[in-house]
């Protein structure tokens, strides 16, 4: 049995990169989540911030779903 250290390093690097990307996207989504009182949200709130938060959360969901398809379908 032989270990291919180069391939193992590539898998480690990609896994670490995707993990960091997902954490950063989720953090940006939480930070962009609209803040303020309920009256401000009822009047329209901050729509660009809400759209950015939804986009960040959707990207996190897509990464998680793709990872699950790799694990389950693999």
PDB file of N, CA and C in Angstrom:
ATOM      1  N   UNK A   1       0.855  -1.167   0.000  1.00  0.00           N
ATOM      2  CA  UNK A   1       0.000   0.000   0.000  1.00  0.00           C
ATOM      3  C   UNK A   1       0.902   1.231   0.000  1.00  0.00           C
ATOM      4  N   UNK A   2       0.554   2.152  -0.882  1.00  0.00           N
ATOM      5  CA  UNK A   2       1.376   3.354  -1.035  1.00  0.00           C
ATOM      6  C   UNK A   2       0.490   4.582  -0.863  1.00  0.00           C
ATOM      7  N   UNK A   3       0.957   5.549  -0.118  1.00  0.00           N
ATOM      8  CA  UNK A   3       0.206   6.791   0.091  1.00  0.00           C
ATOM      9  C   UNK A   3       0.704   7.831  -0.906  1.00  0.00           C
ATOM     10  N   UNK A   4      -0.217   8.406  -1.651  1.00  0.00           N
ATOM     11  CA  UNK A   4       0.107   9.477  -2.590  1.00  0.00           C
ATOM     12  C   UNK A   4      -0.036  10.808  -1.850  1.00  0.00           C
ATOM     13  N   UNK A   5       1.076  11.297  -1.309  1.00  0.00           N
ATOM     14  CA  UNK A   5       1.056  12.477  -0.455  1.00  0.00           C
ATOM     15  C   UNK A   5       0.594  13.721  -1.200  1.00  0.00           C
ATOM     16  N   UNK A   6       0.918  13.822  -2.471  1.00  0.00           N
ATOM     17  CA  UNK A   6       0.483  14.979  -3.247  1.00  0.00           C
ATOM     18  C   UNK A   6      -1.025  15.042  -3.370  1.00  0.00           C
ATOM     19  N   UNK A   7      -1.642  13.899  -3.646  1.00  0.00           N
ATOM     20  CA  UNK A   7      -3.103  13.845  -3.753  1.00  0.00           C
ATOM     21  C   UNK A   7      -3.766  14.112  -2.406  1.00  0.00           C
ATOM     22  N   UNK A   8      -3.174  13.572  -1.359  1.00  0.00           N
ATOM     23  CA  UNK A   8      -3.710  13.804  -0.015  1.00  0.00           C
ATOM     24  C   UNK A   8      -3.634  15.290   0.346  1.00  0.00           C
ATOM     25  N   UNK A   9      -2.542  15.941  -0.023  1.00  0.00           N
ATOM     26  CA  UNK A   9      -2.406  17.380   0.227  1.00  0.00           C
ATOM     27  C   UNK A   9      -3.413  18.197  -0.563  1.00  0.00           C
ATOM     28  N   UNK A  10      -3.673  17.800  -1.805  1.00  0.00           N
ATOM     29  CA  UNK A  10      -4.668  18.514  -2.616  1.00  0.00           C
ATOM     30  C   UNK A  10      -6.055  18.373  -2.004  1.00  0.00           C
ATOM     31  N   UNK A  11      -6.423  17.171  -1.584  1.00  0.00           N
ATOM     32  CA  UNK A  11      -7.738  16.954  -0.954  1.00  0.00           C
ATOM     33  C   UNK A  11      -7.844  17.771   0.326  1.00  0.00           C
ATOM     34  N   UNK A  12      -6.779  17.793   1.119  1.00  0.00           N
ATOM     35  CA  UNK A  12      -6.788  18.581   2.353  1.00  0.00           C
ATOM     36  C   UNK A  12      -6.956  20.071   2.044  1.00  0.00           C
ATOM     37  N   UNK A  13      -6.217  20.571   1.067  1.00  0.00           N
ATOM     38  CA  UNK A  13      -6.298  21.987   0.719  1.00  0.00           C
ATOM     39  C   UNK A  13      -7.672  22.395   0.206  1.00  0.00           C
ATOM     40  N   UNK A  14      -8.248  21.575  -0.656  1.00  0.00           N
ATOM     41  CA  UNK A  14      -9.583  21.882  -1.184  1.00  0.00           C
ATOM     42  C   UNK A  14     -10.622  21.817  -0.078  1.00  0.00           C
ATOM     43  N   UNK A  15     -10.538  20.819   0.783  1.00  0.00           N
ATOM     44  CA  UNK A  15     -11.487  20.705   1.896  1.00  0.00           C
ATOM     45  C   UNK A  15     -11.388  21.905   2.835  1.00  0.00           C
ATOM     46  N   UNK A  16     -10.171  22.304   3.148  1.00  0.00           N
ATOM     47  CA  UNK A  16      -9.981  23.462   4.019  1.00  0.00           C
ATOM     48  C   UNK A  16     -10.510  24.738   3.361  1.00  0.00           C
ATOM     49  N   UNK A  17     -10.247  24.904   2.077  1.00  0.00           N
ATOM     50  CA  UNK A  17     -10.724  26.088   1.359  1.00  0.00           C
ATOM     51  C   UNK A  17     -12.240  26.174   1.301  1.00  0.00           C
ATOM     52  N   UNK A  18     -12.892  25.059   1.003  1.00  0.00           N
ATOM     53  CA  UNK A  18     -14.360  25.049   0.930  1.00  0.00           C
ATOM     54  C   UNK A  18     -14.959  25.291   2.308  1.00  0.00           C
ATOM     55  N   UNK A  19     -14.346  24.722   3.339  1.00  0.00           N
ATOM     56  CA  UNK A  19     -14.843  24.950   4.699  1.00  0.00           C
ATOM     57  C   UNK A  19     -14.734  26.424   5.073  1.00  0.00           C
ATOM     58  N   UNK A  20     -13.604  27.031   4.800  1.00  0.00           N
ATOM     59  CA  UNK A  20     -13.427  28.452   5.114  1.00  0.00           C
ATOM     60  C   UNK A  20     -14.384  29.323   4.294  1.00  0.00           C
ATOM     61  N   UNK A  21     -14.574  28.980   3.030  1.00  0.00           N
ATOM     62  CA  UNK A  21     -15.504  29.727   2.188  1.00  0.00           C
ATOM     63  C   UNK A  21     -16.921  29.661   2.734  1.00  0.00           C
ATOM     64  N   UNK A  22     -17.342  28.476   3.170  1.00  0.00           N
ATOM     65  CA  UNK A  22     -18.693  28.318   3.710  1.00  0.00           C
ATOM     66  C   UNK A  22     -18.864  29.109   5.003  1.00  0.00           C
ATOM     67  N   UNK A  23     -17.875  29.080   5.871  1.00  0.00           N
ATOM     68  CA  UNK A  23     -17.953  29.830   7.124  1.00  0.00           C
ATOM     69  C   UNK A  23     -18.011  31.332   6.850  1.00  0.00           C
ATOM     70  N   UNK A  24     -17.201  31.809   5.919  1.00  0.00           N
ATOM     71  CA  UNK A  24     -17.201  33.238   5.581  1.00  0.00           C
ATOM     72  C   UNK A  24     -18.532  33.642   4.959  1.00  0.00           C
ATOM     73  N   UNK A  25     -19.066  32.816   4.054  1.00  0.00           N
ATOM     74  CA  UNK A  25     -20.363  33.139   3.444  1.00  0.00           C
ATOM     75  C   UNK A  25     -21.469  33.196   4.494  1.00  0.00           C
ATOM     76  N   UNK A  26     -21.473  32.233   5.417  1.00  0.00           N
ATOM     77  CA  UNK A  26     -22.503  32.242   6.453  1.00  0.00           C
ATOM     78  C   UNK A  26     -22.354  33.468   7.356  1.00  0.00           C
ATOM     79  N   UNK A  27     -21.125  33.816   7.691  1.00  0.00           N
ATOM     80  CA  UNK A  27     -20.884  34.999   8.527  1.00  0.00           C
ATOM     81  C   UNK A  27     -21.334  36.279   7.822  1.00  0.00           C
ATOM     82  N   UNK A  28     -21.052  36.369   6.527  1.00  0.00           N
ATOM     83  CA  UNK A  28     -21.519  37.531   5.766  1.00  0.00           C
ATOM     84  C   UNK A  28     -23.041  37.580   5.693  1.00  0.00           C
ATOM     85  N   UNK A  29     -23.658  36.423   5.576  1.00  0.00           N
ATOM     86  CA  UNK A  29     -25.116  36.378   5.567  1.00  0.00           C
ATOM     87  C   UNK A  29     -25.720  36.857   6.879  1.00  0.00           C
ATOM     88  N   UNK A  30     -25.119  36.424   7.983  1.00  0.00           N
ATOM     89  CA  UNK A  30     -25.609  36.872   9.298  1.00  0.00           C
ATOM     90  C   UNK A  30     -25.371  38.369   9.467  1.00  0.00           C
ATOM     91  N   UNK A  31     -24.216  38.843   9.010  1.00  0.00           N
ATOM     92  CA  UNK A  31     -23.911  40.272   9.142  1.00  0.00           C
ATOM     93  C   UNK A  31     -24.812  41.127   8.255  1.00  0.00           C
ATOM     94  N   UNK A  32     -25.217  40.597   7.106  1.00  0.00           N
ATOM     95  CA  UNK A  32     -26.059  41.366   6.195  1.00  0.00           C
ATOM     96  C   UNK A  32     -27.541  41.259   6.526  1.00  0.00           C
ATOM     97  N   UNK A  33     -27.878  40.379   7.451  1.00  0.00           N
ATOM     98  CA  UNK A  33     -29.283  40.209   7.822  1.00  0.00           C
ATOM     99  C   UNK A  33     -29.847  41.549   8.284  1.00  0.00           C
ATOM    100  N   UNK A  34     -30.996  41.943   7.755  1.00  0.00           N
ATOM    101  CA  UNK A  34     -31.527  43.275   8.082  1.00  0.00           C
ATOM    102  C   UNK A  34     -31.777  43.442   9.584  1.00  0.00           C
ATOM    103  N   UNK A  35     -31.333  44.575  10.069  1.00  0.00           N
ATOM    104  CA  UNK A  35     -31.552  44.895  11.475  1.00  0.00           C
ATOM    105  C   UNK A  35     -32.540  46.053  11.569  1.00  0.00           C
ATOM    106  N   UNK A  36     -33.046  46.268  12.730  1.00  0.00           N
ATOM    107  CA  UNK A  36     -33.979  47.368  12.948  1.00  0.00           C
ATOM    108  C   UNK A  36     -35.239  46.864  13.613  1.00  0.00           C
ATOM    109  N   UNK A  37     -36.124  47.797  13.874  1.00  0.00           N
ATOM    110  CA  UNK A  37     -37.358  47.420  14.544  1.00  0.00           C
ATOM    111  C   UNK A  37     -38.365  46.863  13.531  1.00  0.00           C
ATOM    112  N   UNK A  38     -39.455  46.328  14.046  1.00  0.00           N
ATOM    113  CA  UNK A  38     -40.470  45.709  13.186  1.00  0.00           C
ATOM    114  C   UNK A  38     -41.161  46.721  12.295  1.00  0.00           C
ATOM    115  N   UNK A  39     -41.282  47.949  12.761  1.00  0.00           N
ATOM    116  CA  UNK A  39     -41.949  48.986  11.959  1.00  0.00           C
ATOM    117  C   UNK A  39     -41.142  49.281  10.693  1.00  0.00           C
ATOM    118  N   UNK A  40     -39.816  49.301  10.821  1.00  0.00           N
ATOM    119  CA  UNK A  40     -38.959  49.567   9.662  1.00  0.00           C
ATOM    120  C   UNK A  40     -39.044  48.405   8.663  1.00  0.00           C
ATOM    121  N   UNK A  41     -39.094  47.183   9.176  1.00  0.00           N
ATOM    122  CA  UNK A  41     -39.208  46.030   8.284  1.00  0.00           C
ATOM    123  C   UNK A  41     -40.556  46.018   7.573  1.00  0.00           C
ATOM    124  N   UNK A  42     -41.603  46.454   8.270  1.00  0.00           N
ATOM    125  CA  UNK A  42     -42.932  46.492   7.657  1.00  0.00           C
ATOM    126  C   UNK A  42     -42.985  47.521   6.534  1.00  0.00           C
ATOM    127  N   UNK A  43     -42.166  48.562   6.616  1.00  0.00           N
ATOM    128  CA  UNK A  43     -42.161  49.603   5.583  1.00  0.00           C
ATOM    129  C   UNK A  43     -41.217  49.283   4.435  1.00  0.00           C
ATOM    130  N   UNK A  44     -40.629  48.122   4.414  1.00  0.00           N
ATOM    131  CA  UNK A  44     -39.760  47.761   3.302  1.00  0.00           C
ATOM    132  C   UNK A  44     -38.380  47.349   3.741  1.00  0.00           C
ATOM    133  N   UNK A  45     -37.932  47.846   4.859  1.00  0.00           N
ATOM    134  CA  UNK A  45     -36.633  47.444   5.391  1.00  0.00           C
ATOM    135  C   UNK A  45     -35.480  47.763   4.456  1.00  0.00           C
ATOM    136  N   UNK A  46     -34.431  47.032   4.598  1.00  0.00           N
ATOM    137  CA  UNK A  46     -33.240  47.213   3.802  1.00  0.00           C
ATOM    138  C   UNK A  46     -33.161  46.066   2.789  1.00  0.00           C
ATOM    139  N   UNK A  47     -33.750  46.256   1.638  1.00  0.00           N
ATOM    140  CA  UNK A  47     -33.862  45.174   0.653  1.00  0.00           C
ATOM    141  C   UNK A  47     -32.522  44.701   0.095  1.00  0.00           C
ATOM    142  N   UNK A  48     -31.567  45.577  -0.209  1.00  0.00           N
ATOM    143  CA  UNK A  48     -30.276  45.057  -0.692  1.00  0.00           C
ATOM    144  C   UNK A  48     -29.569  44.172   0.341  1.00  0.00           C
ATOM    145  N   UNK A  49     -29.664  44.539   1.602  1.00  0.00           N
ATOM    146  CA  UNK A  49     -29.042  43.721   2.645  1.00  0.00           C
ATOM    147  C   UNK A  49     -29.746  42.377   2.762  1.00  0.00           C
ATOM    148  N   UNK A  50     -31.061  42.373   2.665  1.00  0.00           N
ATOM    149  CA  UNK A  50     -31.808  41.116   2.731  1.00  0.00           C
ATOM    150  C   UNK A  50     -31.480  40.227   1.535  1.00  0.00           C
ATOM    151  N   UNK A  51     -31.326  40.826   0.364  1.00  0.00           N
ATOM    152  CA  UNK A  51     -30.981  40.050  -0.832  1.00  0.00           C
ATOM    153  C   UNK A  51     -29.568  39.475  -0.709  1.00  0.00           C
ATOM    154  N   UNK A  52     -28.644  40.244  -0.178  1.00  0.00           N
ATOM    155  CA  UNK A  52     -27.278  39.752   0.008  1.00  0.00           C
ATOM    156  C   UNK A  52     -27.251  38.612   1.018  1.00  0.00           C
ATOM    157  N   UNK A  53     -28.010  38.747   2.096  1.00  0.00           N
ATOM    158  CA  UNK A  53     -28.075  37.686   3.099  1.00  0.00           C
ATOM    159  C   UNK A  53     -28.677  36.421   2.503  1.00  0.00           C
ATOM    160  N   UNK A  54     -29.734  36.559   1.731  1.00  0.00           N
ATOM    161  CA  UNK A  54     -30.361  35.393   1.109  1.00  0.00           C
ATOM    162  C   UNK A  54     -29.409  34.715   0.125  1.00  0.00           C
ATOM    163  N   UNK A  55     -28.650  35.510  -0.609  1.00  0.00           N
ATOM    164  CA  UNK A  55     -27.685  34.957  -1.556  1.00  0.00           C
ATOM    165  C   UNK A  55     -26.576  34.193  -0.824  1.00  0.00           C
ATOM    166  N   UNK A  56     -26.091  34.749   0.278  1.00  0.00           N
ATOM    167  CA  UNK A  56     -25.049  34.064   1.059  1.00  0.00           C
ATOM    168  C   UNK A  56     -25.573  32.752   1.643  1.00  0.00           C
ATOM    169  N   UNK A  57     -26.793  32.777   2.187  1.00  0.00           N
ATOM    170  CA  UNK A  57     -27.356  31.556   2.758  1.00  0.00           C
ATOM    171  C   UNK A  57     -27.650  30.525   1.679  1.00  0.00           C
ATOM    172  N   UNK A  58     -28.070  30.974   0.497  1.00  0.00           N
ATOM    173  CA  UNK A  58     -28.314  30.044  -0.608  1.00  0.00           C
ATOM    174  C   UNK A  58     -27.013  29.389  -1.066  1.00  0.00           C
ATOM    175  N   UNK A  59     -25.927  30.153  -1.083  1.00  0.00           N
ATOM    176  CA  UNK A  59     -24.635  29.586  -1.464  1.00  0.00           C
ATOM    177  C   UNK A  59     -24.180  28.548  -0.433  1.00  0.00           C
ATOM    178  N   UNK A  60     -24.398  28.824   0.848  1.00  0.00           N
ATOM    179  CA  UNK A  60     -24.057  27.848   1.889  1.00  0.00           C
ATOM    180  C   UNK A  60     -24.889  26.576   1.731  1.00  0.00           C
ATOM    181  N   UNK A  61     -26.158  26.743   1.434  1.00  0.00           N
ATOM    182  CA  UNK A  61     -27.030  25.586   1.228  1.00  0.00           C
ATOM    183  C   UNK A  61     -26.583  24.775   0.014  1.00  0.00           C
ATOM    184  N   UNK A  62     -26.171  25.461  -1.044  1.00  0.00           N
ATOM    185  CA  UNK A  62     -25.703  24.762  -2.244  1.00  0.00           C
ATOM    186  C   UNK A  62     -24.430  23.970  -1.965  1.00  0.00           C
ATOM    187  N   UNK A  63     -23.515  24.542  -1.206  1.00  0.00           N
ATOM    188  CA  UNK A  63     -22.275  23.831  -0.851  1.00  0.00           C
ATOM    189  C   UNK A  63     -22.602  22.608  -0.010  1.00  0.00           C
ATOM    190  N   UNK A  64     -23.492  22.753   0.950  1.00  0.00           N
ATOM    191  CA  UNK A  64     -23.867  21.613   1.814  1.00  0.00           C
ATOM    192  C   UNK A  64     -24.576  20.537   1.002  1.00  0.00           C
ATOM    193  N   UNK A  65     -25.466  20.918   0.111  1.00  0.00           N
ATOM    194  CA  UNK A  65     -26.188  19.945  -0.704  1.00  0.00           C
ATOM    195  C   UNK A  65     -25.233  19.195  -1.639  1.00  0.00           C
ATOM    196  N   UNK A  66     -24.286  19.910  -2.215  1.00  0.00           N
ATOM    197  CA  UNK A  66     -23.308  19.263  -3.096  1.00  0.00           C
ATOM    198  C   UNK A  66     -22.438  18.271  -2.305  1.00  0.00           C
ATOM    199  N   UNK A  67     -22.047  18.665  -1.103  1.00  0.00           N
ATOM    200  CA  UNK A  67     -21.261  17.759  -0.273  1.00  0.00           C
ATOM    201  C   UNK A  67     -22.034  16.501   0.093  1.00  0.00           C
ATOM    202  N   UNK A  68     -23.327  16.658   0.381  1.00  0.00           N
ATOM    203  CA  UNK A  68     -24.146  15.503   0.695  1.00  0.00           C
ATOM    204  C   UNK A  68     -24.311  14.577  -0.508  1.00  0.00           C
ATOM    205  N   UNK A  69     -24.445  15.162  -1.703  1.00  0.00           N
ATOM    206  CA  UNK A  69     -24.563  14.305  -2.894  1.00  0.00           C
ATOM    207  C   UNK A  69     -23.258  13.551  -3.145  1.00  0.00           C
ATOM    208  N   UNK A  70     -22.121  14.159  -2.826  1.00  0.00           N
ATOM    209  CA  UNK A  70     -20.860  13.442  -2.965  1.00  0.00           C
ATOM    210  C   UNK A  70     -20.754  12.277  -1.975  1.00  0.00           C
ATOM    211  N   UNK A  71     -21.243  12.494  -0.761  1.00  0.00           N
ATOM    212  CA  UNK A  71     -21.159  11.462   0.274  1.00  0.00           C
ATOM    213  C   UNK A  71     -22.167  10.353   0.021  1.00  0.00           C
ATOM    214  N   UNK A  72     -23.420  10.716  -0.251  1.00  0.00           N
ATOM    215  CA  UNK A  72     -24.478   9.728  -0.398  1.00  0.00           C
ATOM    216  C   UNK A  72     -24.381   9.021  -1.744  1.00  0.00           C
ATOM    217  N   UNK A  73     -24.163   9.789  -2.804  1.00  0.00           N
ATOM    218  CA  UNK A  73     -24.139   9.193  -4.131  1.00  0.00           C
ATOM    219  C   UNK A  73     -22.824   8.491  -4.452  1.00  0.00           C
ATOM    220  N   UNK A  74     -21.793   8.760  -3.672  1.00  0.00           N
ATOM    221  CA  UNK A  74     -20.451   8.279  -3.968  1.00  0.00           C
ATOM    222  C   UNK A  74     -20.294   6.821  -3.843  1.00  0.00           C
TER     223      UNK A  74
END
